Amino acid sequence: MSNKADKPQTDRIKECIKILKQIREEVGIPDDNPSIRLLKKRMERYMRDGKPQEDRIPLVNSDRLILYKLPRKASSFVEVTMRVSRISYPQLPSDLVAELEEQTNSATPPDPAHPSPPASTD
């Protein structure tokens, strides 16, 4: 059941889109990076259901970890930080790859506010 203290969906969407844009434009990590794709999938779920999440994702081809907090409360902001790790990640660990594939292959309808571009017929 929703509570007045819960973050509204419009705020969740605005905050997530702003952070993804900053990662792409200011930090320079492309959207097709598997770690960013996984973060985006988790954010999409959060934008829909509002359930709080907090985790870390190894950044592929880097020695960094993506740490994120997706809060329930309206008084808290979505947070994504990158921290240097002692380990370099040439690829995502297999459990995260499986999660990304499962989420990518699920029949989740596209967000009407952000429809997917039509598939190429080449």
N, C-alpha and C. Protein backbone atom coordinates (compact mmCIF):
# COMPACT_ATOMS: atom_id res chain seq x y z
N MET A 1 0.84 -1.18 0.00
CA MET A 1 0.00 0.00 0.00
C MET A 1 0.88 1.25 0.00
N SER A 2 0.50 2.21 -0.81
CA SER A 2 1.30 3.42 -0.95
C SER A 2 1.06 4.35 0.23
N ASN A 3 2.06 5.11 0.54
CA ASN A 3 2.05 5.99 1.70
C ASN A 3 2.45 7.37 1.20
N LYS A 4 1.96 8.42 1.86
CA LYS A 4 2.28 9.79 1.43
C LYS A 4 3.77 10.07 1.48
N ALA A 5 4.49 9.34 2.34
CA ALA A 5 5.93 9.54 2.46
C ALA A 5 6.71 8.84 1.34
N ASP A 6 6.02 7.99 0.54
CA ASP A 6 6.68 7.28 -0.56
C ASP A 6 7.00 8.24 -1.70
N LYS A 7 8.10 7.97 -2.37
CA LYS A 7 8.52 8.78 -3.51
C LYS A 7 7.54 8.54 -4.67
N PRO A 8 6.96 9.59 -5.23
CA PRO A 8 6.04 9.43 -6.37
C PRO A 8 6.78 8.88 -7.59
N GLN A 9 6.05 8.18 -8.43
CA GLN A 9 6.66 7.58 -9.61
C GLN A 9 7.31 8.64 -10.51
N THR A 10 6.68 9.79 -10.65
CA THR A 10 7.28 10.84 -11.50
C THR A 10 8.65 11.25 -10.98
N ASP A 11 8.81 11.33 -9.66
CA ASP A 11 10.11 11.68 -9.09
C ASP A 11 11.13 10.56 -9.30
N ARG A 12 10.69 9.31 -9.14
CA ARG A 12 11.59 8.17 -9.38
C ARG A 12 12.10 8.19 -10.81
N ILE A 13 11.21 8.44 -11.76
CA ILE A 13 11.59 8.46 -13.18
C ILE A 13 12.57 9.61 -13.45
N LYS A 14 12.25 10.81 -12.97
CA LYS A 14 13.12 11.98 -13.20
C LYS A 14 14.52 11.75 -12.65
N GLU A 15 14.60 11.24 -11.42
CA GLU A 15 15.91 11.05 -10.78
C GLU A 15 16.73 9.98 -11.50
N CYS A 16 16.10 8.88 -11.87
CA CYS A 16 16.83 7.80 -12.56
C CYS A 16 17.32 8.25 -13.93
N ILE A 17 16.46 8.92 -14.68
CA ILE A 17 16.85 9.37 -16.02
C ILE A 17 17.99 10.38 -15.92
N LYS A 18 17.93 11.28 -14.95
CA LYS A 18 19.00 12.27 -14.77
C LYS A 18 20.33 11.58 -14.48
N ILE A 19 20.32 10.58 -13.62
CA ILE A 19 21.56 9.88 -13.27
C ILE A 19 22.09 9.10 -14.47
N LEU A 20 21.23 8.40 -15.19
CA LEU A 20 21.70 7.65 -16.36
C LEU A 20 22.29 8.59 -17.41
N LYS A 21 21.70 9.76 -17.57
CA LYS A 21 22.23 10.75 -18.50
C LYS A 21 23.61 11.24 -18.05
N GLN A 22 23.77 11.49 -16.74
CA GLN A 22 25.06 11.93 -16.23
C GLN A 22 26.13 10.86 -16.43
N ILE A 23 25.77 9.60 -16.20
CA ILE A 23 26.73 8.51 -16.40
C ILE A 23 27.19 8.49 -17.85
N ARG A 24 26.26 8.66 -18.78
CA ARG A 24 26.58 8.62 -20.20
C ARG A 24 27.37 9.87 -20.64
N GLU A 25 26.85 11.04 -20.31
CA GLU A 25 27.41 12.29 -20.84
C GLU A 25 28.59 12.85 -20.04
N GLU A 26 28.52 12.78 -18.72
CA GLU A 26 29.57 13.39 -17.91
C GLU A 26 30.67 12.41 -17.53
N VAL A 27 30.30 11.17 -17.26
CA VAL A 27 31.30 10.17 -16.89
C VAL A 27 31.84 9.47 -18.13
N GLY A 28 31.03 9.42 -19.18
CA GLY A 28 31.48 8.85 -20.45
C GLY A 28 31.36 7.34 -20.57
N ILE A 29 30.48 6.74 -19.79
CA ILE A 29 30.27 5.29 -19.88
C ILE A 29 29.07 5.06 -20.79
N PRO A 30 29.25 4.33 -21.88
CA PRO A 30 28.15 4.16 -22.85
C PRO A 30 27.02 3.29 -22.31
N ASP A 31 25.82 3.52 -22.84
CA ASP A 31 24.63 2.77 -22.45
C ASP A 31 24.75 1.28 -22.71
N ASP A 32 25.59 0.90 -23.68
CA ASP A 32 25.69 -0.53 -24.01
C ASP A 32 26.67 -1.30 -23.12
N ASN A 33 27.30 -0.62 -22.16
CA ASN A 33 28.14 -1.32 -21.20
C ASN A 33 27.24 -2.27 -20.41
N PRO A 34 27.60 -3.56 -20.29
CA PRO A 34 26.74 -4.52 -19.59
C PRO A 34 26.39 -4.11 -18.16
N SER A 35 27.29 -3.47 -17.47
CA SER A 35 27.01 -3.04 -16.10
C SER A 35 25.96 -1.93 -16.09
N ILE A 36 26.04 -1.01 -17.04
CA ILE A 36 25.07 0.07 -17.12
C ILE A 36 23.72 -0.48 -17.58
N ARG A 37 23.74 -1.45 -18.47
CA ARG A 37 22.47 -2.09 -18.88
C ARG A 37 21.79 -2.74 -17.68
N LEU A 38 22.56 -3.40 -16.83
CA LEU A 38 22.00 -4.03 -15.64
C LEU A 38 21.46 -2.97 -14.67
N LEU A 39 22.22 -1.91 -14.46
CA LEU A 39 21.75 -0.83 -13.59
C LEU A 39 20.45 -0.25 -14.14
N LYS A 40 20.40 -0.04 -15.45
CA LYS A 40 19.20 0.51 -16.07
C LYS A 40 18.00 -0.42 -15.88
N LYS A 41 18.21 -1.73 -16.03
CA LYS A 41 17.12 -2.69 -15.83
C LYS A 41 16.60 -2.62 -14.39
N ARG A 42 17.51 -2.52 -13.44
CA ARG A 42 17.09 -2.43 -12.04
C ARG A 42 16.35 -1.11 -11.78
N MET A 43 16.82 -0.04 -12.41
CA MET A 43 16.13 1.25 -12.26
C MET A 43 14.74 1.21 -12.90
N GLU A 44 14.63 0.53 -14.03
CA GLU A 44 13.32 0.43 -14.69
C GLU A 44 12.32 -0.27 -13.77
N ARG A 45 12.76 -1.33 -13.11
CA ARG A 45 11.89 -2.03 -12.17
C ARG A 45 11.49 -1.08 -11.03
N TYR A 46 12.48 -0.35 -10.51
CA TYR A 46 12.23 0.61 -9.42
C TYR A 46 11.28 1.71 -9.87
N MET A 47 11.44 2.21 -11.08
CA MET A 47 10.57 3.27 -11.57
C MET A 47 9.12 2.78 -11.62
N ARG A 48 8.93 1.50 -11.96
CA ARG A 48 7.58 0.92 -12.03
C ARG A 48 6.99 0.64 -10.66
N ASP A 49 7.76 -0.07 -9.80
CA ASP A 49 7.15 -0.57 -8.56
C ASP A 49 7.51 0.24 -7.31
N GLY A 50 8.54 1.05 -7.36
CA GLY A 50 8.91 1.88 -6.21
C GLY A 50 9.54 1.14 -5.05
N LYS A 51 9.83 -0.15 -5.22
CA LYS A 51 10.43 -0.91 -4.13
C LYS A 51 11.89 -0.51 -3.98
N PRO A 52 12.32 -0.21 -2.77
CA PRO A 52 13.70 0.24 -2.58
C PRO A 52 14.70 -0.87 -2.91
N GLN A 53 15.84 -0.45 -3.43
CA GLN A 53 16.92 -1.37 -3.77
C GLN A 53 18.24 -0.71 -3.37
N GLU A 54 19.18 -1.54 -3.00
CA GLU A 54 20.54 -1.07 -2.71
C GLU A 54 21.47 -2.22 -3.02
N ASP A 55 22.48 -1.95 -3.84
CA ASP A 55 23.39 -3.02 -4.24
C ASP A 55 24.63 -2.40 -4.86
N ARG A 56 25.52 -3.27 -5.31
CA ARG A 56 26.71 -2.84 -6.04
C ARG A 56 26.82 -3.73 -7.28
N ILE A 57 27.34 -3.14 -8.34
CA ILE A 57 27.54 -3.84 -9.61
C ILE A 57 28.98 -3.57 -10.05
N PRO A 58 29.76 -4.60 -10.35
CA PRO A 58 31.10 -4.36 -10.88
C PRO A 58 31.01 -3.69 -12.26
N LEU A 59 31.78 -2.64 -12.48
CA LEU A 59 31.78 -1.95 -13.77
C LEU A 59 32.72 -2.69 -14.70
N VAL A 60 32.16 -3.25 -15.77
CA VAL A 60 32.92 -4.04 -16.72
C VAL A 60 34.04 -3.21 -17.34
N ASN A 61 35.20 -3.85 -17.54
CA ASN A 61 36.40 -3.24 -18.12
C ASN A 61 36.92 -2.08 -17.27
N SER A 62 36.79 -2.24 -15.96
CA SER A 62 37.20 -1.18 -15.06
C SER A 62 37.58 -1.78 -13.72
N ASP A 63 38.19 -0.97 -12.89
CA ASP A 63 38.47 -1.38 -11.52
C ASP A 63 37.53 -0.65 -10.57
N ARG A 64 36.31 -0.41 -11.02
CA ARG A 64 35.33 0.33 -10.22
C ARG A 64 34.08 -0.50 -9.95
N LEU A 65 33.42 -0.12 -8.88
CA LEU A 65 32.12 -0.70 -8.54
C LEU A 65 31.08 0.41 -8.63
N ILE A 66 29.91 0.08 -9.13
CA ILE A 66 28.78 1.00 -9.13
C ILE A 66 27.98 0.66 -7.86
N LEU A 67 27.85 1.62 -6.97
CA LEU A 67 27.04 1.44 -5.77
C LEU A 67 25.80 2.30 -5.96
N TYR A 68 24.63 1.72 -5.69
CA TYR A 68 23.42 2.50 -5.88
C TYR A 68 22.41 2.26 -4.76
N LYS A 69 21.60 3.30 -4.54
CA LYS A 69 20.50 3.26 -3.57
C LYS A 69 19.27 3.84 -4.27
N LEU A 70 18.24 3.05 -4.31
CA LEU A 70 16.97 3.47 -4.90
C LEU A 70 15.96 3.47 -3.75
N PRO A 71 15.66 4.66 -3.19
CA PRO A 71 14.89 4.74 -1.94
C PRO A 71 13.38 4.71 -2.12
N ARG A 72 12.70 4.33 -1.07
CA ARG A 72 11.23 4.37 -1.04
C ARG A 72 10.74 5.77 -0.63
N LYS A 73 11.42 6.40 0.30
CA LYS A 73 10.96 7.66 0.88
C LYS A 73 11.14 8.83 -0.08
N ALA A 74 10.14 9.70 -0.09
CA ALA A 74 10.19 10.90 -0.93
C ALA A 74 11.29 11.84 -0.46
N SER A 75 11.66 11.76 0.81
CA SER A 75 12.68 12.66 1.35
C SER A 75 14.11 12.24 1.00
N SER A 76 14.26 11.06 0.40
CA SER A 76 15.58 10.56 0.01
C SER A 76 15.72 10.61 -1.51
N PHE A 77 16.94 10.77 -1.98
CA PHE A 77 17.21 10.83 -3.40
C PHE A 77 17.85 9.55 -3.89
N VAL A 78 17.64 9.26 -5.18
CA VAL A 78 18.33 8.15 -5.83
C VAL A 78 19.82 8.49 -5.82
N GLU A 79 20.65 7.52 -5.42
CA GLU A 79 22.09 7.74 -5.36
C GLU A 79 22.81 6.67 -6.18
N VAL A 80 23.76 7.11 -6.99
CA VAL A 80 24.65 6.20 -7.69
C VAL A 80 26.05 6.77 -7.55
N THR A 81 26.95 5.95 -7.02
CA THR A 81 28.34 6.38 -6.89
C THR A 81 29.23 5.29 -7.48
N MET A 82 30.44 5.68 -7.82
CA MET A 82 31.42 4.72 -8.32
C MET A 82 32.60 4.74 -7.37
N ARG A 83 33.03 3.56 -7.01
CA ARG A 83 34.12 3.42 -6.07
C ARG A 83 35.21 2.56 -6.70
N VAL A 84 36.45 2.93 -6.46
CA VAL A 84 37.57 2.14 -6.96
C VAL A 84 37.63 0.83 -6.18
N SER A 85 37.85 -0.25 -6.91
CA SER A 85 37.94 -1.58 -6.32
C SER A 85 39.37 -2.07 -6.49
N ARG A 86 39.74 -3.05 -5.72
CA ARG A 86 41.07 -3.65 -5.87
C ARG A 86 41.10 -4.66 -7.01
N ILE A 87 39.93 -4.98 -7.53
CA ILE A 87 39.81 -5.99 -8.57
C ILE A 87 39.35 -5.32 -9.86
N SER A 88 39.95 -5.71 -10.98
CA SER A 88 39.49 -5.24 -12.28
C SER A 88 38.47 -6.24 -12.81
N TYR A 89 37.40 -5.75 -13.42
CA TYR A 89 36.32 -6.60 -13.89
C TYR A 89 36.29 -6.60 -15.42
N PRO A 90 36.87 -7.64 -16.07
CA PRO A 90 36.83 -7.69 -17.53
C PRO A 90 35.42 -8.02 -18.04
N GLN A 91 34.61 -8.61 -17.18
CA GLN A 91 33.23 -8.91 -17.54
C GLN A 91 32.40 -9.03 -16.27
N LEU A 92 31.09 -9.04 -16.43
CA LEU A 92 30.22 -9.20 -15.27
C LEU A 92 30.33 -10.62 -14.73
N PRO A 93 30.22 -10.79 -13.43
CA PRO A 93 30.17 -12.15 -12.87
C PRO A 93 28.96 -12.90 -13.44
N SER A 94 29.06 -14.21 -13.54
CA SER A 94 28.04 -15.01 -14.21
C SER A 94 26.65 -14.84 -13.62
N ASP A 95 26.52 -14.66 -12.31
CA ASP A 95 25.18 -14.49 -11.73
C ASP A 95 24.53 -13.19 -12.20
N LEU A 96 25.33 -12.13 -12.39
CA LEU A 96 24.78 -10.88 -12.88
C LEU A 96 24.46 -10.95 -14.37
N VAL A 97 25.26 -11.70 -15.13
CA VAL A 97 24.97 -11.90 -16.56
C VAL A 97 23.64 -12.63 -16.70
N ALA A 98 23.44 -13.66 -15.89
CA ALA A 98 22.19 -14.42 -15.94
C ALA A 98 21.00 -13.51 -15.60
N GLU A 99 21.16 -12.65 -14.60
CA GLU A 99 20.08 -11.73 -14.23
C GLU A 99 19.78 -10.77 -15.36
N LEU A 100 20.82 -10.23 -15.98
CA LEU A 100 20.62 -9.29 -17.09
C LEU A 100 19.91 -9.98 -18.25
N GLU A 101 20.34 -11.19 -18.60
CA GLU A 101 19.70 -11.93 -19.69
C GLU A 101 18.24 -12.23 -19.36
N GLU A 102 17.98 -12.62 -18.12
CA GLU A 102 16.61 -12.93 -17.72
C GLU A 102 15.73 -11.68 -17.82
N GLN A 103 16.23 -10.57 -17.35
CA GLN A 103 15.46 -9.33 -17.40
C GLN A 103 15.29 -8.84 -18.84
N THR A 104 16.31 -9.01 -19.65
CA THR A 104 16.25 -8.56 -21.04
C THR A 104 15.26 -9.41 -21.83
N ASN A 105 15.23 -10.70 -21.53
CA ASN A 105 14.35 -11.61 -22.27
C ASN A 105 12.93 -11.65 -21.75
N SER A 106 12.68 -11.05 -20.58
CA SER A 106 11.32 -11.08 -20.03
C SER A 106 10.41 -10.22 -20.90
N ALA A 107 9.18 -10.58 -20.92
CA ALA A 107 8.20 -9.88 -21.76
C ALA A 107 7.65 -8.67 -21.03
N THR A 108 8.53 -7.75 -20.66
CA THR A 108 8.12 -6.54 -19.98
C THR A 108 7.72 -5.51 -21.03
N PRO A 109 6.49 -4.97 -20.94
CA PRO A 109 6.10 -3.97 -21.92
C PRO A 109 6.95 -2.71 -21.77
N PRO A 110 7.26 -2.04 -22.88
CA PRO A 110 8.07 -0.83 -22.78
C PRO A 110 7.31 0.25 -22.03
N ASP A 111 8.04 1.11 -21.37
CA ASP A 111 7.46 2.24 -20.66
C ASP A 111 6.88 3.19 -21.70
N PRO A 112 5.57 3.49 -21.65
CA PRO A 112 4.98 4.35 -22.66
C PRO A 112 5.59 5.75 -22.70
N ALA A 113 6.16 6.20 -21.59
CA ALA A 113 6.81 7.51 -21.59
C ALA A 113 8.13 7.47 -22.33
N HIS A 114 8.70 6.27 -22.50
CA HIS A 114 9.99 6.10 -23.16
C HIS A 114 9.92 4.90 -24.09
N PRO A 115 9.14 5.00 -25.17
CA PRO A 115 9.00 3.82 -26.04
C PRO A 115 10.31 3.46 -26.73
N SER A 116 10.46 2.19 -27.00
CA SER A 116 11.63 1.73 -27.72
C SER A 116 11.50 2.14 -29.18
N PRO A 117 12.64 2.43 -29.83
CA PRO A 117 12.56 2.78 -31.26
C PRO A 117 12.13 1.55 -32.06
N PRO A 118 11.48 1.77 -33.20
CA PRO A 118 11.06 0.63 -34.01
C PRO A 118 12.26 -0.17 -34.48
N ALA A 119 12.09 -1.46 -34.59
CA ALA A 119 13.16 -2.35 -35.03
C ALA A 119 13.47 -2.10 -36.49
N SER A 120 14.72 -2.19 -36.84
CA SER A 120 15.15 -2.00 -38.22
C SER A 120 14.71 -3.17 -39.06
N THR A 121 14.28 -2.90 -40.28
CA THR A 121 13.83 -3.97 -41.17
C THR A 121 14.83 -4.26 -42.26
N ASP A 122 16.08 -3.90 -42.03
CA ASP A 122 17.13 -4.14 -43.04
C ASP A 122 17.36 -5.61 -43.24
